[in-house]
């Protein structure tokens, strides 16, 4: 296990978060940690529960690889990489 420094770009707000995390953390665990530390909201402005995706890609790039249950290491994320936090649309 290695600790890596990554940049998270929140696409909905254009906020940038620089964090140091273990490369074994999953995308879902990273989102939960961001919520726990007040970096992401647990609910949307309308009061509904918020859902997020971590995307391996660059700011302004369309697409990319979703990192949900994969560890950052397994997804090929390296020290210094930038990831995108995108609000996940849930259709009912």
PDB file of N, CA and C in Angstrom:
ATOM      1  N   UNK A   1       0.851  -1.181   0.000  1.00  0.00           N
ATOM      2  CA  UNK A   1       0.000   0.000   0.000  1.00  0.00           C
ATOM      3  C   UNK A   1       0.893   1.239   0.000  1.00  0.00           C
ATOM      4  N   UNK A   2       0.563   2.160  -0.869  1.00  0.00           N
ATOM      5  CA  UNK A   2       1.285   3.429  -0.950  1.00  0.00           C
ATOM      6  C   UNK A   2       0.298   4.570  -0.739  1.00  0.00           C
ATOM      7  N   UNK A   3       0.802   5.663  -0.225  1.00  0.00           N
ATOM      8  CA  UNK A   3      -0.017   6.873  -0.119  1.00  0.00           C
ATOM      9  C   UNK A   3       0.278   7.721  -1.343  1.00  0.00           C
ATOM     10  N   UNK A   4      -0.796   8.156  -2.010  1.00  0.00           N
ATOM     11  CA  UNK A   4      -0.622   8.981  -3.202  1.00  0.00           C
ATOM     12  C   UNK A   4      -1.348  10.306  -3.017  1.00  0.00           C
ATOM     13  N   UNK A   5      -0.848  11.330  -3.691  1.00  0.00           N
ATOM     14  CA  UNK A   5      -1.494  12.637  -3.692  1.00  0.00           C
ATOM     15  C   UNK A   5      -2.225  12.776  -5.017  1.00  0.00           C
ATOM     16  N   UNK A   6      -3.537  13.040  -4.936  1.00  0.00           N
ATOM     17  CA  UNK A   6      -4.340  13.204  -6.144  1.00  0.00           C
ATOM     18  C   UNK A   6      -5.130  14.504  -6.051  1.00  0.00           C
ATOM     19  N   UNK A   7      -5.563  14.977  -7.201  1.00  0.00           N
ATOM     20  CA  UNK A   7      -6.415  16.153  -7.275  1.00  0.00           C
ATOM     21  C   UNK A   7      -7.791  15.692  -7.708  1.00  0.00           C
ATOM     22  N   UNK A   8      -8.815  16.123  -6.966  1.00  0.00           N
ATOM     23  CA  UNK A   8     -10.202  15.797  -7.295  1.00  0.00           C
ATOM     24  C   UNK A   8     -10.878  17.062  -7.785  1.00  0.00           C
ATOM     25  N   UNK A   9     -11.401  17.020  -9.003  1.00  0.00           N
ATOM     26  CA  UNK A   9     -12.114  18.150  -9.588  1.00  0.00           C
ATOM     27  C   UNK A   9     -13.599  17.855  -9.504  1.00  0.00           C
ATOM     28  N   UNK A  10     -14.324  18.687  -8.760  1.00  0.00           N
ATOM     29  CA  UNK A  10     -15.768  18.520  -8.607  1.00  0.00           C
ATOM     30  C   UNK A  10     -16.458  19.235  -9.760  1.00  0.00           C
ATOM     31  N   UNK A  11     -16.978  18.478 -10.707  1.00  0.00           N
ATOM     32  CA  UNK A  11     -17.493  19.054 -11.947  1.00  0.00           C
ATOM     33  C   UNK A  11     -18.711  19.957 -11.744  1.00  0.00           C
ATOM     34  N   UNK A  12     -19.550  19.676 -10.761  1.00  0.00           N
ATOM     35  CA  UNK A  12     -20.764  20.478 -10.560  1.00  0.00           C
ATOM     36  C   UNK A  12     -20.462  21.864 -10.000  1.00  0.00           C
ATOM     37  N   UNK A  13     -19.382  21.989  -9.237  1.00  0.00           N
ATOM     38  CA  UNK A  13     -19.085  23.258  -8.561  1.00  0.00           C
ATOM     39  C   UNK A  13     -17.758  23.881  -8.984  1.00  0.00           C
ATOM     40  N   UNK A  14     -16.989  23.164  -9.788  1.00  0.00           N
ATOM     41  CA  UNK A  14     -15.643  23.587 -10.200  1.00  0.00           C
ATOM     42  C   UNK A  14     -14.670  23.702  -9.035  1.00  0.00           C
ATOM     43  N   UNK A  15     -14.970  23.048  -7.911  1.00  0.00           N
ATOM     44  CA  UNK A  15     -14.049  23.038  -6.776  1.00  0.00           C
ATOM     45  C   UNK A  15     -12.962  22.007  -7.015  1.00  0.00           C
ATOM     46  N   UNK A  16     -11.782  22.302  -6.493  1.00  0.00           N
ATOM     47  CA  UNK A  16     -10.652  21.390  -6.598  1.00  0.00           C
ATOM     48  C   UNK A  16     -10.210  21.017  -5.194  1.00  0.00           C
ATOM     49  N   UNK A  17     -10.038  19.712  -4.968  1.00  0.00           N
ATOM     50  CA  UNK A  17      -9.591  19.203  -3.681  1.00  0.00           C
ATOM     51  C   UNK A  17      -8.306  18.421  -3.909  1.00  0.00           C
ATOM     52  N   UNK A  18      -7.258  18.770  -3.174  1.00  0.00           N
ATOM     53  CA  UNK A  18      -6.031  17.986  -3.223  1.00  0.00           C
ATOM     54  C   UNK A  18      -5.988  17.142  -1.962  1.00  0.00           C
ATOM     55  N   UNK A  19      -5.842  15.833  -2.139  1.00  0.00           N
ATOM     56  CA  UNK A  19      -5.878  14.912  -1.009  1.00  0.00           C
ATOM     57  C   UNK A  19      -4.759  13.892  -1.115  1.00  0.00           C
ATOM     58  N   UNK A  20      -4.374  13.373   0.042  1.00  0.00           N
ATOM     59  CA  UNK A  20      -3.448  12.250   0.093  1.00  0.00           C
ATOM     60  C   UNK A  20      -4.226  11.073   0.631  1.00  0.00           C
ATOM     61  N   UNK A  21      -4.217   9.985  -0.107  1.00  0.00           N
ATOM     62  CA  UNK A  21      -5.006   8.810   0.245  1.00  0.00           C
ATOM     63  C   UNK A  21      -4.200   7.544  -0.036  1.00  0.00           C
ATOM     64  N   UNK A  22      -4.574   6.447   0.623  1.00  0.00           N
ATOM     65  CA  UNK A  22      -3.932   5.177   0.270  1.00  0.00           C
ATOM     66  C   UNK A  22      -4.386   4.749  -1.118  1.00  0.00           C
ATOM     67  N   UNK A  23      -3.487   4.169  -1.884  1.00  0.00           N
ATOM     68  CA  UNK A  23      -3.865   3.751  -3.244  1.00  0.00           C
ATOM     69  C   UNK A  23      -4.807   2.556  -3.250  1.00  0.00           C
ATOM     70  N   UNK A  24      -5.067   1.992  -2.066  1.00  0.00           N
ATOM     71  CA  UNK A  24      -5.989   0.859  -1.953  1.00  0.00           C
ATOM     72  C   UNK A  24      -7.431   1.294  -1.713  1.00  0.00           C
ATOM     73  N   UNK A  25      -7.674   2.596  -1.533  1.00  0.00           N
ATOM     74  CA  UNK A  25      -9.039   3.078  -1.294  1.00  0.00           C
ATOM     75  C   UNK A  25      -9.862   2.933  -2.571  1.00  0.00           C
ATOM     76  N   UNK A  26     -11.125   2.565  -2.414  1.00  0.00           N
ATOM     77  CA  UNK A  26     -12.014   2.453  -3.568  1.00  0.00           C
ATOM     78  C   UNK A  26     -12.647   3.811  -3.859  1.00  0.00           C
ATOM     79  N   UNK A  27     -13.217   3.936  -5.034  1.00  0.00           N
ATOM     80  CA  UNK A  27     -13.912   5.170  -5.394  1.00  0.00           C
ATOM     81  C   UNK A  27     -15.061   5.462  -4.449  1.00  0.00           C
ATOM     82  N   UNK A  28     -15.833   4.422  -4.100  1.00  0.00           N
ATOM     83  CA  UNK A  28     -16.959   4.603  -3.184  1.00  0.00           C
ATOM     84  C   UNK A  28     -16.488   5.041  -1.796  1.00  0.00           C
ATOM     85  N   UNK A  29     -15.410   4.445  -1.305  1.00  0.00           N
ATOM     86  CA  UNK A  29     -14.873   4.819   0.006  1.00  0.00           C
ATOM     87  C   UNK A  29     -14.312   6.239  -0.019  1.00  0.00           C
ATOM     88  N   UNK A  30     -13.742   6.640  -1.143  1.00  0.00           N
ATOM     89  CA  UNK A  30     -13.225   7.999  -1.281  1.00  0.00           C
ATOM     90  C   UNK A  30     -14.360   9.009  -1.226  1.00  0.00           C
ATOM     91  N   UNK A  31     -15.468   8.727  -1.899  1.00  0.00           N
ATOM     92  CA  UNK A  31     -16.638   9.609  -1.851  1.00  0.00           C
ATOM     93  C   UNK A  31     -17.148   9.711  -0.416  1.00  0.00           C
ATOM     94  N   UNK A  32     -17.258   8.577   0.265  1.00  0.00           N
ATOM     95  CA  UNK A  32     -17.758   8.579   1.644  1.00  0.00           C
ATOM     96  C   UNK A  32     -16.835   9.388   2.559  1.00  0.00           C
ATOM     97  N   UNK A  33     -15.531   9.274   2.364  1.00  0.00           N
ATOM     98  CA  UNK A  33     -14.579  10.054   3.160  1.00  0.00           C
ATOM     99  C   UNK A  33     -14.725  11.551   2.876  1.00  0.00           C
ATOM    100  N   UNK A  34     -14.962  11.899   1.617  1.00  0.00           N
ATOM    101  CA  UNK A  34     -15.154  13.311   1.258  1.00  0.00           C
ATOM    102  C   UNK A  34     -16.420  13.864   1.917  1.00  0.00           C
ATOM    103  N   UNK A  35     -17.476  13.058   1.971  1.00  0.00           N
ATOM    104  CA  UNK A  35     -18.714  13.475   2.637  1.00  0.00           C
ATOM    105  C   UNK A  35     -18.467  13.626   4.139  1.00  0.00           C
ATOM    106  N   UNK A  36     -17.812  12.632   4.725  1.00  0.00           N
ATOM    107  CA  UNK A  36     -17.538  12.636   6.176  1.00  0.00           C
ATOM    108  C   UNK A  36     -16.743  13.867   6.597  1.00  0.00           C
ATOM    109  N   UNK A  37     -15.816  14.305   5.757  1.00  0.00           N
ATOM    110  CA  UNK A  37     -14.963  15.457   6.084  1.00  0.00           C
ATOM    111  C   UNK A  37     -15.536  16.783   5.573  1.00  0.00           C
ATOM    112  N   UNK A  38     -16.799  16.764   5.134  1.00  0.00           N
ATOM    113  CA  UNK A  38     -17.471  17.999   4.738  1.00  0.00           C
ATOM    114  C   UNK A  38     -17.067  18.563   3.392  1.00  0.00           C
ATOM    115  N   UNK A  39     -16.408  17.767   2.569  1.00  0.00           N
ATOM    116  CA  UNK A  39     -15.980  18.236   1.243  1.00  0.00           C
ATOM    117  C   UNK A  39     -17.063  18.043   0.181  1.00  0.00           C
ATOM    118  N   UNK A  40     -17.980  17.112   0.436  1.00  0.00           N
ATOM    119  CA  UNK A  40     -19.127  16.878  -0.437  1.00  0.00           C
ATOM    120  C   UNK A  40     -20.379  16.854   0.428  1.00  0.00           C
ATOM    121  N   UNK A  41     -21.485  17.260  -0.151  1.00  0.00           N
ATOM    122  CA  UNK A  41     -22.759  17.285   0.564  1.00  0.00           C
ATOM    123  C   UNK A  41     -23.426  15.914   0.497  1.00  0.00           C
ATOM    124  N   UNK A  42     -24.067  15.526   1.581  1.00  0.00           N
ATOM    125  CA  UNK A  42     -24.796  14.261   1.596  1.00  0.00           C
ATOM    126  C   UNK A  42     -26.118  14.360   0.839  1.00  0.00           C
ATOM    127  N   UNK A  43     -26.634  15.594   0.672  1.00  0.00           N
ATOM    128  CA  UNK A  43     -27.901  15.788  -0.040  1.00  0.00           C
ATOM    129  C   UNK A  43     -27.752  16.877  -1.096  1.00  0.00           C
ATOM    130  N   UNK A  44     -28.604  16.799  -2.110  1.00  0.00           N
ATOM    131  CA  UNK A  44     -28.691  17.859  -3.105  1.00  0.00           C
ATOM    132  C   UNK A  44     -29.495  19.013  -2.516  1.00  0.00           C
ATOM    133  N   UNK A  45     -29.534  20.134  -3.197  1.00  0.00           N
ATOM    134  CA  UNK A  45     -30.248  21.316  -2.713  1.00  0.00           C
ATOM    135  C   UNK A  45     -31.743  21.065  -2.539  1.00  0.00           C
ATOM    136  N   UNK A  46     -32.294  20.079  -3.254  1.00  0.00           N
ATOM    137  CA  UNK A  46     -33.716  19.760  -3.122  1.00  0.00           C
ATOM    138  C   UNK A  46     -34.003  18.790  -1.970  1.00  0.00           C
ATOM    139  N   UNK A  47     -32.952  18.418  -1.222  1.00  0.00           N
ATOM    140  CA  UNK A  47     -33.115  17.548  -0.067  1.00  0.00           C
ATOM    141  C   UNK A  47     -32.945  16.069  -0.349  1.00  0.00           C
ATOM    142  N   UNK A  48     -32.860  15.685  -1.617  1.00  0.00           N
ATOM    143  CA  UNK A  48     -32.673  14.277  -1.958  1.00  0.00           C
ATOM    144  C   UNK A  48     -31.225  13.860  -1.696  1.00  0.00           C
ATOM    145  N   UNK A  49     -31.051  12.561  -1.401  1.00  0.00           N
ATOM    146  CA  UNK A  49     -29.717  12.033  -1.136  1.00  0.00           C
ATOM    147  C   UNK A  49     -28.831  12.178  -2.375  1.00  0.00           C
ATOM    148  N   UNK A  50     -27.617  12.643  -2.158  1.00  0.00           N
ATOM    149  CA  UNK A  50     -26.675  12.849  -3.260  1.00  0.00           C
ATOM    150  C   UNK A  50     -25.928  11.551  -3.579  1.00  0.00           C
ATOM    151  N   UNK A  51     -25.668  11.339  -4.847  1.00  0.00           N
ATOM    152  CA  UNK A  51     -24.879  10.205  -5.326  1.00  0.00           C
ATOM    153  C   UNK A  51     -23.756  10.765  -6.192  1.00  0.00           C
ATOM    154  N   UNK A  52     -22.567  10.226  -6.007  1.00  0.00           N
ATOM    155  CA  UNK A  52     -21.406  10.714  -6.749  1.00  0.00           C
ATOM    156  C   UNK A  52     -20.669   9.554  -7.400  1.00  0.00           C
ATOM    157  N   UNK A  53     -19.941   9.880  -8.471  1.00  0.00           N
ATOM    158  CA  UNK A  53     -19.051   8.944  -9.135  1.00  0.00           C
ATOM    159  C   UNK A  53     -17.670   9.568  -9.176  1.00  0.00           C
ATOM    160  N   UNK A  54     -16.659   8.748  -9.035  1.00  0.00           N
ATOM    161  CA  UNK A  54     -15.282   9.175  -9.251  1.00  0.00           C
ATOM    162  C   UNK A  54     -14.896   8.679 -10.642  1.00  0.00           C
ATOM    163  N   UNK A  55     -14.417   9.589 -11.461  1.00  0.00           N
ATOM    164  CA  UNK A  55     -14.053   9.284 -12.842  1.00  0.00           C
ATOM    165  C   UNK A  55     -12.565   9.532 -13.037  1.00  0.00           C
ATOM    166  N   UNK A  56     -11.874   8.554 -13.590  1.00  0.00           N
ATOM    167  CA  UNK A  56     -10.476   8.740 -13.962  1.00  0.00           C
ATOM    168  C   UNK A  56     -10.465   9.455 -15.302  1.00  0.00           C
ATOM    169  N   UNK A  57     -10.047  10.686 -15.298  1.00  0.00           N
ATOM    170  CA  UNK A  57     -10.026  11.495 -16.512  1.00  0.00           C
ATOM    171  C   UNK A  57      -9.474  12.869 -16.181  1.00  0.00           C
ATOM    172  N   UNK A  58      -9.496  13.749 -17.106  1.00  0.00           N
ATOM    173  CA  UNK A  58      -8.974  15.089 -16.902  1.00  0.00           C
ATOM    174  C   UNK A  58     -10.096  16.110 -16.974  1.00  0.00           C
ATOM    175  N   UNK A  59      -9.913  17.228 -16.270  1.00  0.00           N
ATOM    176  CA  UNK A  59     -10.875  18.327 -16.303  1.00  0.00           C
ATOM    177  C   UNK A  59     -11.166  18.704 -17.749  1.00  0.00           C
ATOM    178  N   UNK A  60     -12.447  18.826 -18.096  1.00  0.00           N
ATOM    179  CA  UNK A  60     -12.843  19.197 -19.446  1.00  0.00           C
ATOM    180  C   UNK A  60     -12.955  18.021 -20.398  1.00  0.00           C
ATOM    181  N   UNK A  61     -12.505  16.850 -19.959  1.00  0.00           N
ATOM    182  CA  UNK A  61     -12.575  15.663 -20.806  1.00  0.00           C
ATOM    183  C   UNK A  61     -13.936  15.014 -20.622  1.00  0.00           C
ATOM    184  N   UNK A  62     -14.538  14.574 -21.701  1.00  0.00           N
ATOM    185  CA  UNK A  62     -15.809  13.870 -21.628  1.00  0.00           C
ATOM    186  C   UNK A  62     -15.518  12.375 -21.513  1.00  0.00           C
ATOM    187  N   UNK A  63     -16.250  11.711 -20.675  1.00  0.00           N
ATOM    188  CA  UNK A  63     -16.067  10.277 -20.512  1.00  0.00           C
ATOM    189  C   UNK A  63     -15.054   9.980 -19.433  1.00  0.00           C
ATOM    190  N   UNK A  64     -14.326   8.919 -19.578  1.00  0.00           N
ATOM    191  CA  UNK A  64     -13.380   8.481 -18.567  1.00  0.00           C
ATOM    192  C   UNK A  64     -13.869   7.174 -17.957  1.00  0.00           C
ATOM    193  N   UNK A  65     -13.054   6.602 -17.097  1.00  0.00           N
ATOM    194  CA  UNK A  65     -13.363   5.333 -16.466  1.00  0.00           C
ATOM    195  C   UNK A  65     -13.914   5.549 -15.073  1.00  0.00           C
ATOM    196  N   UNK A  66     -15.091   4.997 -14.793  1.00  0.00           N
ATOM    197  CA  UNK A  66     -15.668   5.094 -13.454  1.00  0.00           C
ATOM    198  C   UNK A  66     -14.883   4.224 -12.493  1.00  0.00           C
ATOM    199  N   UNK A  67     -14.634   4.776 -11.314  1.00  0.00           N
ATOM    200  CA  UNK A  67     -13.958   4.021 -10.263  1.00  0.00           C
ATOM    201  C   UNK A  67     -14.951   3.904  -9.113  1.00  0.00           C
ATOM    202  N   UNK A  68     -15.637   2.786  -9.039  1.00  0.00           N
ATOM    203  CA  UNK A  68     -16.616   2.581  -7.974  1.00  0.00           C
ATOM    204  C   UNK A  68     -16.037   1.631  -6.928  1.00  0.00           C
ATOM    205  N   UNK A  69     -16.107   0.340  -7.209  1.00  0.00           N
ATOM    206  CA  UNK A  69     -15.609  -0.664  -6.278  1.00  0.00           C
ATOM    207  C   UNK A  69     -14.146  -1.022  -6.502  1.00  0.00           C
ATOM    208  N   UNK A  70     -13.519  -0.410  -7.498  1.00  0.00           N
ATOM    209  CA  UNK A  70     -12.102  -0.649  -7.757  1.00  0.00           C
ATOM    210  C   UNK A  70     -11.264   0.206  -6.814  1.00  0.00           C
ATOM    211  N   UNK A  71     -10.101  -0.306  -6.451  1.00  0.00           N
ATOM    212  CA  UNK A  71      -9.153   0.537  -5.720  1.00  0.00           C
ATOM    213  C   UNK A  71      -8.508   1.485  -6.729  1.00  0.00           C
ATOM    214  N   UNK A  72      -7.980   2.582  -6.229  1.00  0.00           N
ATOM    215  CA  UNK A  72      -7.303   3.530  -7.121  1.00  0.00           C
ATOM    216  C   UNK A  72      -6.149   2.833  -7.842  1.00  0.00           C
ATOM    217  N   UNK A  73      -5.415   2.001  -7.110  1.00  0.00           N
ATOM    218  CA  UNK A  73      -4.290   1.269  -7.699  1.00  0.00           C
ATOM    219  C   UNK A  73      -4.768   0.370  -8.834  1.00  0.00           C
ATOM    220  N   UNK A  74      -5.845  -0.395  -8.587  1.00  0.00           N
ATOM    221  CA  UNK A  74      -6.373  -1.298  -9.623  1.00  0.00           C
ATOM    222  C   UNK A  74      -6.903  -0.530 -10.837  1.00  0.00           C
ATOM    223  N   UNK A  75      -7.346   0.711 -10.614  1.00  0.00           N
ATOM    224  CA  UNK A  75      -7.848   1.537 -11.712  1.00  0.00           C
ATOM    225  C   UNK A  75      -6.716   2.260 -12.449  1.00  0.00           C
ATOM    226  N   UNK A  76      -5.478   2.066 -11.995  1.00  0.00           N
ATOM    227  CA  UNK A  76      -4.335   2.678 -12.669  1.00  0.00           C
ATOM    228  C   UNK A  76      -4.044   4.106 -12.259  1.00  0.00           C
ATOM    229  N   UNK A  77      -4.651   4.558 -11.159  1.00  0.00           N
ATOM    230  CA  UNK A  77      -4.423   5.925 -10.676  1.00  0.00           C
ATOM    231  C   UNK A  77      -3.050   5.992 -10.022  1.00  0.00           C
ATOM    232  N   UNK A  78      -2.305   7.020 -10.365  1.00  0.00           N
ATOM    233  CA  UNK A  78      -0.942   7.191  -9.854  1.00  0.00           C
ATOM    234  C   UNK A  78      -0.813   8.526  -9.121  1.00  0.00           C
ATOM    235  N   UNK A  79       0.242   8.639  -8.353  1.00  0.00           N
ATOM    236  CA  UNK A  79       0.545   9.867  -7.637  1.00  0.00           C
ATOM    237  C   UNK A  79       0.539  11.047  -8.604  1.00  0.00           C
ATOM    238  N   UNK A  80      -0.191  12.110  -8.245  1.00  0.00           N
ATOM    239  CA  UNK A  80      -0.256  13.307  -9.075  1.00  0.00           C
ATOM    240  C   UNK A  80      -1.402  13.327 -10.063  1.00  0.00           C
ATOM    241  N   UNK A  81      -2.150  12.229 -10.189  1.00  0.00           N
ATOM    242  CA  UNK A  81      -3.260  12.185 -11.145  1.00  0.00           C
ATOM    243  C   UNK A  81      -4.424  13.068 -10.700  1.00  0.00           C
ATOM    244  N   UNK A  82      -5.237  13.445 -11.671  1.00  0.00           N
ATOM    245  CA  UNK A  82      -6.454  14.205 -11.406  1.00  0.00           C
ATOM    246  C   UNK A  82      -7.650  13.314 -11.698  1.00  0.00           C
ATOM    247  N   UNK A  83      -8.610  13.311 -10.766  1.00  0.00           N
ATOM    248  CA  UNK A  83      -9.850  12.564 -10.941  1.00  0.00           C
ATOM    249  C   UNK A  83     -11.010  13.541 -10.917  1.00  0.00           C
ATOM    250  N   UNK A  84     -12.121  13.124 -11.471  1.00  0.00           N
ATOM    251  CA  UNK A  84     -13.311  13.972 -11.538  1.00  0.00           C
ATOM    252  C   UNK A  84     -14.377  13.400 -10.609  1.00  0.00           C
ATOM    253  N   UNK A  85     -14.995  14.269  -9.816  1.00  0.00           N
ATOM    254  CA  UNK A  85     -16.159  13.886  -9.021  1.00  0.00           C
ATOM    255  C   UNK A  85     -17.375  14.396  -9.780  1.00  0.00           C
ATOM    256  N   UNK A  86     -18.242  13.468 -10.148  1.00  0.00           N
ATOM    257  CA  UNK A  86     -19.418  13.831 -10.919  1.00  0.00           C
ATOM    258  C   UNK A  86     -20.666  13.382 -10.170  1.00  0.00           C
ATOM    259  N   UNK A  87     -21.670  14.248 -10.116  1.00  0.00           N
ATOM    260  CA  UNK A  87     -22.951  13.853  -9.531  1.00  0.00           C
ATOM    261  C   UNK A  87     -23.549  12.764 -10.393  1.00  0.00           C
ATOM    262  N   UNK A  88     -24.029  11.740  -9.750  1.00  0.00           N
ATOM    263  CA  UNK A  88     -24.581  10.585 -10.454  1.00  0.00           C
ATOM    264  C   UNK A  88     -26.082  10.764 -10.566  1.00  0.00           C
ATOM    265  N   UNK A  89     -26.606  10.672 -11.761  1.00  0.00           N
ATOM    266  CA  UNK A  89     -28.038  10.808 -12.011  1.00  0.00           C
ATOM    267  C   UNK A  89     -28.696   9.453 -11.759  1.00  0.00           C
ATOM    268  N   UNK A  90     -29.677   9.450 -10.873  1.00  0.00           N
ATOM    269  CA  UNK A  90     -30.427   8.224 -10.571  1.00  0.00           C
ATOM    270  C   UNK A  90     -31.818   8.376 -11.177  1.00  0.00           C
ATOM    271  N   UNK A  91     -32.152   7.467 -12.077  1.00  0.00           N
ATOM    272  CA  UNK A  91     -33.482   7.518 -12.692  1.00  0.00           C
ATOM    273  C   UNK A  91     -34.406   6.600 -11.924  1.00  0.00           C
ATOM    274  N   UNK A  92     -35.613   7.105 -11.587  1.00  0.00           N
ATOM    275  CA  UNK A  92     -36.558   6.265 -10.864  1.00  0.00           C
ATOM    276  C   UNK A  92     -37.556   5.667 -11.805  1.00  0.00           C
TER     277      UNK A  92
END
